[in-house]
Amino acid sequence: MSMTEEWDAASVRDLHDDLVSLHGPVERTSDHGADASADPGEGVRQLVTTILSQNVADENTRRASEALFTAYSDFAAIESADHDELADTIRVAGLPDQKAARIQRALAAIREETGGAYSLAFLDAMPTDEAKGWLTDIKGVGPKTASVVLNFHFGKPTMAVDTHVERVSKRFGLVTESATNKRAHDELDAIIPDELTYPLHVLLITHGREFCSARSPDCANPVCERYCSCEEC
């Protein structure tokens, strides 16, 4: 596809099909997009875990999450915990002071919104943009964190743009090269068909890790040959 062409739903579907041909189809696992009412606290747990995952490797996120939910009996205990103690508990995730504050602000916002419950179930009935706006109004919760929760837990059509998705999307011309991460979220949400939001998220990450890496990309594949504009192609 020429980089001067406009992307539309049909061309995004072509990209999805080409990525599937290279990487295989994507299916939601049982905990992605499941019934949001089945466990009201699960969305909150995912929000907290996603805050922990900001700018850190998956293994350290897992360790920090395990330490957090072992040390505290419930969300109320986490919200009311001593800040320094909480920061020390999640230190392995990096930026412990900032993440402790973000987690406690998020839990306070949820409790205040629901009148005492730690549940994000109210987001399910909101339009996607309104639900994202509610989450990103919490200081420290950006569009990526909000989109992870809304798409993975509630199945809402909003793309979570991590470094891989942003890099590949810019190289493919899906997103303006100069776009901020927030702008990248808006541009992708505007062109990606709702049903492709989750699988394309996974496929772009896979392609970014396996071929279209930040350094020394391997462009000898049909997807890069067709879509990519990086210097190696």
C-alpha atoms as a PDB file:
ATOM      1  CA  MET A   1       0.000   0.000   0.000  1.00  0.00           C
ATOM      2  CA  SER A   2       1.386   3.407  -0.899  1.00  0.00           C
ATOM      3  CA  MET A   3       2.152   5.611   2.094  1.00  0.00           C
ATOM      4  CA  THR A   4       0.273   8.419   0.336  1.00  0.00           C
ATOM      5  CA  GLU A   5      -2.988   6.474   0.307  1.00  0.00           C
ATOM      6  CA  GLU A   6      -5.622   6.982   2.966  1.00  0.00           C
ATOM      7  CA  TRP A   7      -6.314   4.070   5.273  1.00  0.00           C
ATOM      8  CA  ASP A   8      -9.930   3.000   5.549  1.00  0.00           C
ATOM      9  CA  ALA A   9     -11.773   0.025   7.021  1.00  0.00           C
ATOM     10  CA  ALA A  10     -11.215  -2.097   3.916  1.00  0.00           C
ATOM     11  CA  SER A  11      -7.470  -1.502   3.797  1.00  0.00           C
ATOM     12  CA  VAL A  12      -7.176  -2.150   7.547  1.00  0.00           C
ATOM     13  CA  ARG A  13      -8.949  -5.473   7.004  1.00  0.00           C
ATOM     14  CA  ASP A  14      -6.407  -6.260   4.261  1.00  0.00           C
ATOM     15  CA  LEU A  15      -3.573  -5.501   6.679  1.00  0.00           C
ATOM     16  CA  HIS A  16      -5.173  -7.727   9.315  1.00  0.00           C
ATOM     17  CA  ASP A  17      -5.495 -10.572   6.813  1.00  0.00           C
ATOM     18  CA  ASP A  18      -1.873 -10.186   5.721  1.00  0.00           C
ATOM     19  CA  LEU A  19      -0.692 -10.233   9.343  1.00  0.00           C
ATOM     20  CA  VAL A  20      -2.793 -13.344   9.993  1.00  0.00           C
ATOM     21  CA  SER A  21      -1.191 -15.022   6.964  1.00  0.00           C
ATOM     22  CA  LEU A  22       2.224 -14.320   8.468  1.00  0.00           C
ATOM     23  CA  HIS A  23       1.583 -14.825  12.188  1.00  0.00           C
ATOM     24  CA  GLY A  24      -1.600 -16.887  12.429  1.00  0.00           C
ATOM     25  CA  PRO A  25      -5.081 -15.939  13.693  1.00  0.00           C
ATOM     26  CA  VAL A  26      -5.697 -14.358  17.088  1.00  0.00           C
ATOM     27  CA  GLU A  27      -8.354 -15.619  19.468  1.00  0.00           C
ATOM     28  CA  ARG A  28      -9.361 -13.982  22.711  1.00  0.00           C
ATOM     29  CA  THR A  29      -8.370 -15.980  25.762  1.00  0.00           C
ATOM     30  CA  SER A  30     -11.065 -16.706  28.325  1.00  0.00           C
ATOM     31  CA  ASP A  31     -10.051 -13.726  30.491  1.00  0.00           C
ATOM     32  CA  HIS A  32     -10.078 -11.164  27.666  1.00  0.00           C
ATOM     33  CA  GLY A  33     -13.438  -9.607  26.944  1.00  0.00           C
ATOM     34  CA  ALA A  34     -15.239 -11.979  29.295  1.00  0.00           C
ATOM     35  CA  ASP A  35     -18.543 -11.112  30.945  1.00  0.00           C
ATOM     36  CA  ALA A  36     -17.637  -7.973  32.875  1.00  0.00           C
ATOM     37  CA  SER A  37     -20.324  -8.702  35.459  1.00  0.00           C
ATOM     38  CA  ALA A  38     -18.986 -12.147  36.342  1.00  0.00           C
ATOM     39  CA  ASP A  39     -16.446 -10.747  38.820  1.00  0.00           C
ATOM     40  CA  PRO A  40     -17.018  -7.048  39.602  1.00  0.00           C
ATOM     41  CA  GLY A  41     -13.562  -6.688  41.152  1.00  0.00           C
ATOM     42  CA  GLU A  42     -11.677  -8.197  38.247  1.00  0.00           C
ATOM     43  CA  GLY A  43     -11.728  -4.975  36.234  1.00  0.00           C
ATOM     44  CA  VAL A  44     -10.257  -3.108  39.204  1.00  0.00           C
ATOM     45  CA  ARG A  45      -7.555  -5.737  39.557  1.00  0.00           C
ATOM     46  CA  GLN A  46      -6.736  -5.361  35.874  1.00  0.00           C
ATOM     47  CA  LEU A  47      -6.542  -1.575  36.222  1.00  0.00           C
ATOM     48  CA  VAL A  48      -4.178  -1.886  39.175  1.00  0.00           C
ATOM     49  CA  THR A  49      -2.048  -4.465  37.376  1.00  0.00           C
ATOM     50  CA  THR A  50      -1.914  -2.316  34.254  1.00  0.00           C
ATOM     51  CA  ILE A  51      -0.712   0.654  36.303  1.00  0.00           C
ATOM     52  CA  LEU A  52       2.016  -1.610  37.690  1.00  0.00           C
ATOM     53  CA  SER A  53       2.958  -2.623  34.131  1.00  0.00           C
ATOM     54  CA  GLN A  54       3.688   0.924  32.970  1.00  0.00           C
ATOM     55  CA  ASN A  55       7.245   1.081  31.581  1.00  0.00           C
ATOM     56  CA  VAL A  56       8.373  -2.254  33.019  1.00  0.00           C
ATOM     57  CA  ALA A  57       8.950  -5.822  31.822  1.00  0.00           C
ATOM     58  CA  ASP A  58       6.153  -8.386  32.132  1.00  0.00           C
ATOM     59  CA  GLU A  59       8.044 -10.498  34.678  1.00  0.00           C
ATOM     60  CA  ASN A  60       8.482  -7.551  37.036  1.00  0.00           C
ATOM     61  CA  THR A  61       4.805  -6.705  36.632  1.00  0.00           C
ATOM     62  CA  ARG A  62       3.915 -10.266  37.620  1.00  0.00           C
ATOM     63  CA  ARG A  63       6.191 -10.151  40.668  1.00  0.00           C
ATOM     64  CA  ALA A  64       4.878  -6.774  41.812  1.00  0.00           C
ATOM     65  CA  SER A  65       1.250  -7.831  41.330  1.00  0.00           C
ATOM     66  CA  GLU A  66       1.822 -11.033  43.279  1.00  0.00           C
ATOM     67  CA  ALA A  67       3.513  -9.123  46.104  1.00  0.00           C
ATOM     68  CA  LEU A  68       0.728  -6.528  46.206  1.00  0.00           C
ATOM     69  CA  PHE A  69      -2.188  -8.940  46.360  1.00  0.00           C
ATOM     70  CA  THR A  70      -0.382 -11.138  48.881  1.00  0.00           C
ATOM     71  CA  ALA A  71       0.431  -8.237  51.201  1.00  0.00           C
ATOM     72  CA  TYR A  72      -3.061  -6.704  51.228  1.00  0.00           C
ATOM     73  CA  SER A  73      -6.330  -8.511  51.797  1.00  0.00           C
ATOM     74  CA  ASP A  74      -8.527  -6.348  49.576  1.00  0.00           C
ATOM     75  CA  PHE A  75      -8.707  -3.081  47.609  1.00  0.00           C
ATOM     76  CA  ALA A  76      -9.744  -1.120  50.703  1.00  0.00           C
ATOM     77  CA  ALA A  77      -6.537  -2.180  52.423  1.00  0.00           C
ATOM     78  CA  ILE A  78      -4.494  -1.098  49.406  1.00  0.00           C
ATOM     79  CA  GLU A  79      -6.221   2.291  49.236  1.00  0.00           C
ATOM     80  CA  SER A  80      -5.699   2.978  52.936  1.00  0.00           C
ATOM     81  CA  ALA A  81      -2.165   1.564  53.120  1.00  0.00           C
ATOM     82  CA  ASP A  82       0.757   3.674  54.244  1.00  0.00           C
ATOM     83  CA  HIS A  83       2.201   5.188  51.055  1.00  0.00           C
ATOM     84  CA  ASP A  84       5.823   4.266  51.761  1.00  0.00           C
ATOM     85  CA  GLU A  85       4.858   0.717  52.721  1.00  0.00           C
ATOM     86  CA  LEU A  86       2.833   0.319  49.538  1.00  0.00           C
ATOM     87  CA  ALA A  87       5.648   1.738  47.416  1.00  0.00           C
ATOM     88  CA  ASP A  88       8.108  -0.693  48.976  1.00  0.00           C
ATOM     89  CA  THR A  89       5.731  -3.608  48.283  1.00  0.00           C
ATOM     90  CA  ILE A  90       5.593  -2.844  44.555  1.00  0.00           C
ATOM     91  CA  ARG A  91       9.182  -1.587  44.186  1.00  0.00           C
ATOM     92  CA  VAL A  92      10.123  -4.304  41.692  1.00  0.00           C
ATOM     93  CA  ALA A  93       7.763  -2.680  39.156  1.00  0.00           C
ATOM     94  CA  GLY A  94       9.815   0.513  39.122  1.00  0.00           C
ATOM     95  CA  LEU A  95       8.664   4.081  39.844  1.00  0.00           C
ATOM     96  CA  PRO A  96       7.234   2.827  43.155  1.00  0.00           C
ATOM     97  CA  ASP A  97       6.244   6.218  44.595  1.00  0.00           C
ATOM     98  CA  GLN A  98       4.428   7.291  41.439  1.00  0.00           C
ATOM     99  CA  LYS A  99       2.687   3.953  40.924  1.00  0.00           C
ATOM    100  CA  ALA A 100       1.622   3.692  44.579  1.00  0.00           C
ATOM    101  CA  ALA A 101       0.042   7.153  44.311  1.00  0.00           C
ATOM    102  CA  ARG A 102      -1.653   6.271  41.005  1.00  0.00           C
ATOM    103  CA  ILE A 103      -3.096   3.052  42.405  1.00  0.00           C
ATOM    104  CA  GLN A 104      -4.457   4.747  45.512  1.00  0.00           C
ATOM    105  CA  ARG A 105      -5.936   7.618  43.474  1.00  0.00           C
ATOM    106  CA  ALA A 106      -7.602   5.135  41.129  1.00  0.00           C
ATOM    107  CA  LEU A 107      -9.086   3.118  43.983  1.00  0.00           C
ATOM    108  CA  ALA A 108     -10.362   6.285  45.680  1.00  0.00           C
ATOM    109  CA  ALA A 109     -11.982   7.464  42.439  1.00  0.00           C
ATOM    110  CA  ILE A 110     -13.716   4.106  41.948  1.00  0.00           C
ATOM    111  CA  ARG A 111     -14.966   3.973  45.545  1.00  0.00           C
ATOM    112  CA  GLU A 112     -16.284   7.538  45.342  1.00  0.00           C
ATOM    113  CA  GLU A 113     -17.998   6.892  41.988  1.00  0.00           C
ATOM    114  CA  THR A 114     -19.763   3.750  43.213  1.00  0.00           C
ATOM    115  CA  GLY A 115     -20.578   4.908  46.710  1.00  0.00           C
ATOM    116  CA  GLY A 116     -18.253   2.453  48.389  1.00  0.00           C
ATOM    117  CA  ALA A 117     -17.747  -0.512  46.047  1.00  0.00           C
ATOM    118  CA  TYR A 118     -14.505  -1.394  44.316  1.00  0.00           C
ATOM    119  CA  SER A 119     -16.008  -2.242  40.942  1.00  0.00           C
ATOM    120  CA  LEU A 120     -15.690  -0.843  37.442  1.00  0.00           C
ATOM    121  CA  ALA A 121     -18.922  -2.491  36.274  1.00  0.00           C
ATOM    122  CA  PHE A 122     -20.479   0.953  35.723  1.00  0.00           C
ATOM    123  CA  LEU A 123     -18.097   1.472  32.790  1.00  0.00           C
ATOM    124  CA  ASP A 124     -19.726  -1.370  30.878  1.00  0.00           C
ATOM    125  CA  ALA A 125     -22.858   0.656  30.167  1.00  0.00           C
ATOM    126  CA  MET A 126     -20.947   3.759  29.084  1.00  0.00           C
ATOM    127  CA  PRO A 127     -20.044   4.550  25.472  1.00  0.00           C
ATOM    128  CA  THR A 128     -16.379   3.782  24.856  1.00  0.00           C
ATOM    129  CA  ASP A 129     -15.259   7.419  24.661  1.00  0.00           C
ATOM    130  CA  GLU A 130     -17.081   8.291  27.884  1.00  0.00           C
ATOM    131  CA  ALA A 131     -15.631   5.285  29.705  1.00  0.00           C
ATOM    132  CA  LYS A 132     -12.133   6.141  28.495  1.00  0.00           C
ATOM    133  CA  GLY A 133     -12.643   9.743  29.576  1.00  0.00           C
ATOM    134  CA  TRP A 134     -13.667   8.633  33.071  1.00  0.00           C
ATOM    135  CA  LEU A 135     -10.534   6.523  33.452  1.00  0.00           C
ATOM    136  CA  THR A 136      -8.111   9.068  32.012  1.00  0.00           C
ATOM    137  CA  ASP A 137      -9.481  11.745  34.328  1.00  0.00           C
ATOM    138  CA  ILE A 138      -7.596   9.848  37.051  1.00  0.00           C
ATOM    139  CA  LYS A 139      -4.102  11.367  37.247  1.00  0.00           C
ATOM    140  CA  GLY A 140      -1.589   8.771  36.087  1.00  0.00           C
ATOM    141  CA  VAL A 141      -4.057   6.746  34.018  1.00  0.00           C
ATOM    142  CA  GLY A 142      -3.258   7.426  30.380  1.00  0.00           C
ATOM    143  CA  PRO A 143      -4.979   6.287  27.180  1.00  0.00           C
ATOM    144  CA  LYS A 144      -2.991   3.060  26.962  1.00  0.00           C
ATOM    145  CA  THR A 145      -3.873   1.962  30.505  1.00  0.00           C
ATOM    146  CA  ALA A 146      -7.519   2.905  29.969  1.00  0.00           C
ATOM    147  CA  SER A 147      -7.669   1.089  26.626  1.00  0.00           C
ATOM    148  CA  VAL A 148      -6.153  -2.096  28.069  1.00  0.00           C
ATOM    149  CA  VAL A 149      -8.871  -2.243  30.729  1.00  0.00           C
ATOM    150  CA  LEU A 150     -11.706  -1.301  28.374  1.00  0.00           C
ATOM    151  CA  ASN A 151     -10.731  -3.632  25.542  1.00  0.00           C
ATOM    152  CA  PHE A 152      -9.346  -6.608  27.437  1.00  0.00           C
ATOM    153  CA  HIS A 153     -11.897  -6.660  30.260  1.00  0.00           C
ATOM    154  CA  PHE A 154     -15.016  -5.078  28.749  1.00  0.00           C
ATOM    155  CA  GLY A 155     -14.433  -5.882  25.079  1.00  0.00           C
ATOM    156  CA  LYS A 156     -14.858  -2.220  24.115  1.00  0.00           C
ATOM    157  CA  PRO A 157     -13.397  -1.177  20.744  1.00  0.00           C
ATOM    158  CA  THR A 158     -10.409   0.944  21.720  1.00  0.00           C
ATOM    159  CA  MET A 159      -6.824   0.176  20.732  1.00  0.00           C
ATOM    160  CA  ALA A 160      -4.150   0.008  23.433  1.00  0.00           C
ATOM    161  CA  VAL A 161      -1.058   1.589  21.871  1.00  0.00           C
ATOM    162  CA  ASP A 162       2.185   0.329  23.394  1.00  0.00           C
ATOM    163  CA  THR A 163       5.653   0.990  21.957  1.00  0.00           C
ATOM    164  CA  HIS A 164       5.362  -1.853  19.429  1.00  0.00           C
ATOM    165  CA  VAL A 165       1.924  -0.828  18.186  1.00  0.00           C
ATOM    166  CA  GLU A 166       2.964   2.820  17.918  1.00  0.00           C
ATOM    167  CA  ARG A 167       6.225   2.067  16.081  1.00  0.00           C
ATOM    168  CA  VAL A 168       4.690  -0.333  13.568  1.00  0.00           C
ATOM    169  CA  SER A 169       1.627   1.872  13.024  1.00  0.00           C
ATOM    170  CA  LYS A 170       3.818   4.860  12.186  1.00  0.00           C
ATOM    171  CA  ARG A 171       6.022   2.849   9.851  1.00  0.00           C
ATOM    172  CA  PHE A 172       2.951   1.498   8.088  1.00  0.00           C
ATOM    173  CA  GLY A 173       1.364   4.934   7.813  1.00  0.00           C
ATOM    174  CA  LEU A 174      -1.610   4.035   9.985  1.00  0.00           C
ATOM    175  CA  VAL A 175      -0.630   6.860  12.324  1.00  0.00           C
ATOM    176  CA  THR A 176       0.923  10.235  11.582  1.00  0.00           C
ATOM    177  CA  GLU A 177       4.685  10.044  12.143  1.00  0.00           C
ATOM    178  CA  SER A 178       4.690  13.044  14.493  1.00  0.00           C
ATOM    179  CA  ALA A 179       1.652  11.908  16.497  1.00  0.00           C
ATOM    180  CA  THR A 180       1.872  11.774  20.271  1.00  0.00           C
ATOM    181  CA  ASN A 181       0.884   8.537  21.958  1.00  0.00           C
ATOM    182  CA  LYS A 182      -2.521  10.027  22.809  1.00  0.00           C
ATOM    183  CA  ARG A 183      -2.996  11.133  19.203  1.00  0.00           C
ATOM    184  CA  ALA A 184      -1.972   7.654  18.024  1.00  0.00           C
ATOM    185  CA  HIS A 185      -4.785   6.173  20.113  1.00  0.00           C
ATOM    186  CA  ASP A 186      -7.292   8.570  18.542  1.00  0.00           C
ATOM    187  CA  GLU A 187      -6.096   7.974  14.978  1.00  0.00           C
ATOM    188  CA  LEU A 188      -6.154   4.177  15.295  1.00  0.00           C
ATOM    189  CA  ASP A 189      -9.575   4.142  16.965  1.00  0.00           C
ATOM    190  CA  ALA A 190     -10.898   6.220  14.071  1.00  0.00           C
ATOM    191  CA  ILE A 191      -9.896   3.761  11.324  1.00  0.00           C
ATOM    192  CA  ILE A 192      -9.862   0.280  12.864  1.00  0.00           C
ATOM    193  CA  PRO A 193     -13.150  -1.674  12.591  1.00  0.00           C
ATOM    194  CA  ASP A 194     -14.485  -2.533  16.034  1.00  0.00           C
ATOM    195  CA  GLU A 195     -14.168  -6.289  15.589  1.00  0.00           C
ATOM    196  CA  LEU A 196     -10.481  -5.992  14.670  1.00  0.00           C
ATOM    197  CA  THR A 197      -9.392  -3.859  17.623  1.00  0.00           C
ATOM    198  CA  TYR A 198      -8.230  -6.748  19.800  1.00  0.00           C
ATOM    199  CA  PRO A 199      -6.725  -9.073  17.154  1.00  0.00           C
ATOM    200  CA  LEU A 200      -4.929  -6.222  15.397  1.00  0.00           C
ATOM    201  CA  HIS A 201      -3.500  -5.064  18.730  1.00  0.00           C
ATOM    202  CA  VAL A 202      -2.018  -8.521  19.284  1.00  0.00           C
ATOM    203  CA  LEU A 203      -0.832  -8.899  15.683  1.00  0.00           C
ATOM    204  CA  LEU A 204       0.907  -5.504  15.608  1.00  0.00           C
ATOM    205  CA  ILE A 205       2.722  -6.333  18.848  1.00  0.00           C
ATOM    206  CA  THR A 206       3.752  -9.720  17.473  1.00  0.00           C
ATOM    207  CA  HIS A 207       4.975  -8.174  14.236  1.00  0.00           C
ATOM    208  CA  GLY A 208       6.874  -5.483  16.135  1.00  0.00           C
ATOM    209  CA  ARG A 209       8.621  -8.058  18.288  1.00  0.00           C
ATOM    210  CA  GLU A 210       9.404 -10.594  15.574  1.00  0.00           C
ATOM    211  CA  PHE A 211      10.121  -8.438  12.521  1.00  0.00           C
ATOM    212  CA  CYS A 212       9.567  -4.689  12.766  1.00  0.00           C
ATOM    213  CA  SER A 213      11.783  -4.084  15.788  1.00  0.00           C
ATOM    214  CA  ALA A 214      13.087  -0.688  16.849  1.00  0.00           C
ATOM    215  CA  ARG A 215      16.653  -1.600  15.904  1.00  0.00           C
ATOM    216  CA  SER A 216      17.830  -3.805  13.047  1.00  0.00           C
ATOM    217  CA  PRO A 217      14.336  -4.728  11.804  1.00  0.00           C
ATOM    218  CA  ASP A 218      13.955  -7.857   9.681  1.00  0.00           C
ATOM    219  CA  CYS A 219      12.071  -6.531   6.668  1.00  0.00           C
ATOM    220  CA  ALA A 220      12.321  -9.721   4.592  1.00  0.00           C
ATOM    221  CA  ASN A 221       8.648 -10.582   5.006  1.00  0.00           C
ATOM    222  CA  PRO A 222       5.589  -9.875   2.844  1.00  0.00           C
ATOM    223  CA  VAL A 223       3.915  -7.568   5.370  1.00  0.00           C
ATOM    224  CA  CYS A 224       6.881  -5.196   5.671  1.00  0.00           C
ATOM    225  CA  GLU A 225       7.441  -5.358   1.935  1.00  0.00           C
ATOM    226  CA  ARG A 226       3.871  -4.228   1.318  1.00  0.00           C
ATOM    227  CA  TYR A 227       3.297  -1.711   4.085  1.00  0.00           C
ATOM    228  CA  CYS A 228       6.477  -0.549   5.799  1.00  0.00           C
ATOM    229  CA  SER A 229       8.293   2.712   5.140  1.00  0.00           C
ATOM    230  CA  CYS A 230      11.243   2.280   7.504  1.00  0.00           C
ATOM    231  CA  GLU A 231      14.765   2.815   6.174  1.00  0.00           C
ATOM    232  CA  GLU A 232      15.452  -0.927   6.087  1.00  0.00           C
ATOM    233  CA  CYS A 233      12.568  -1.622   3.681  1.00  0.00           C
END
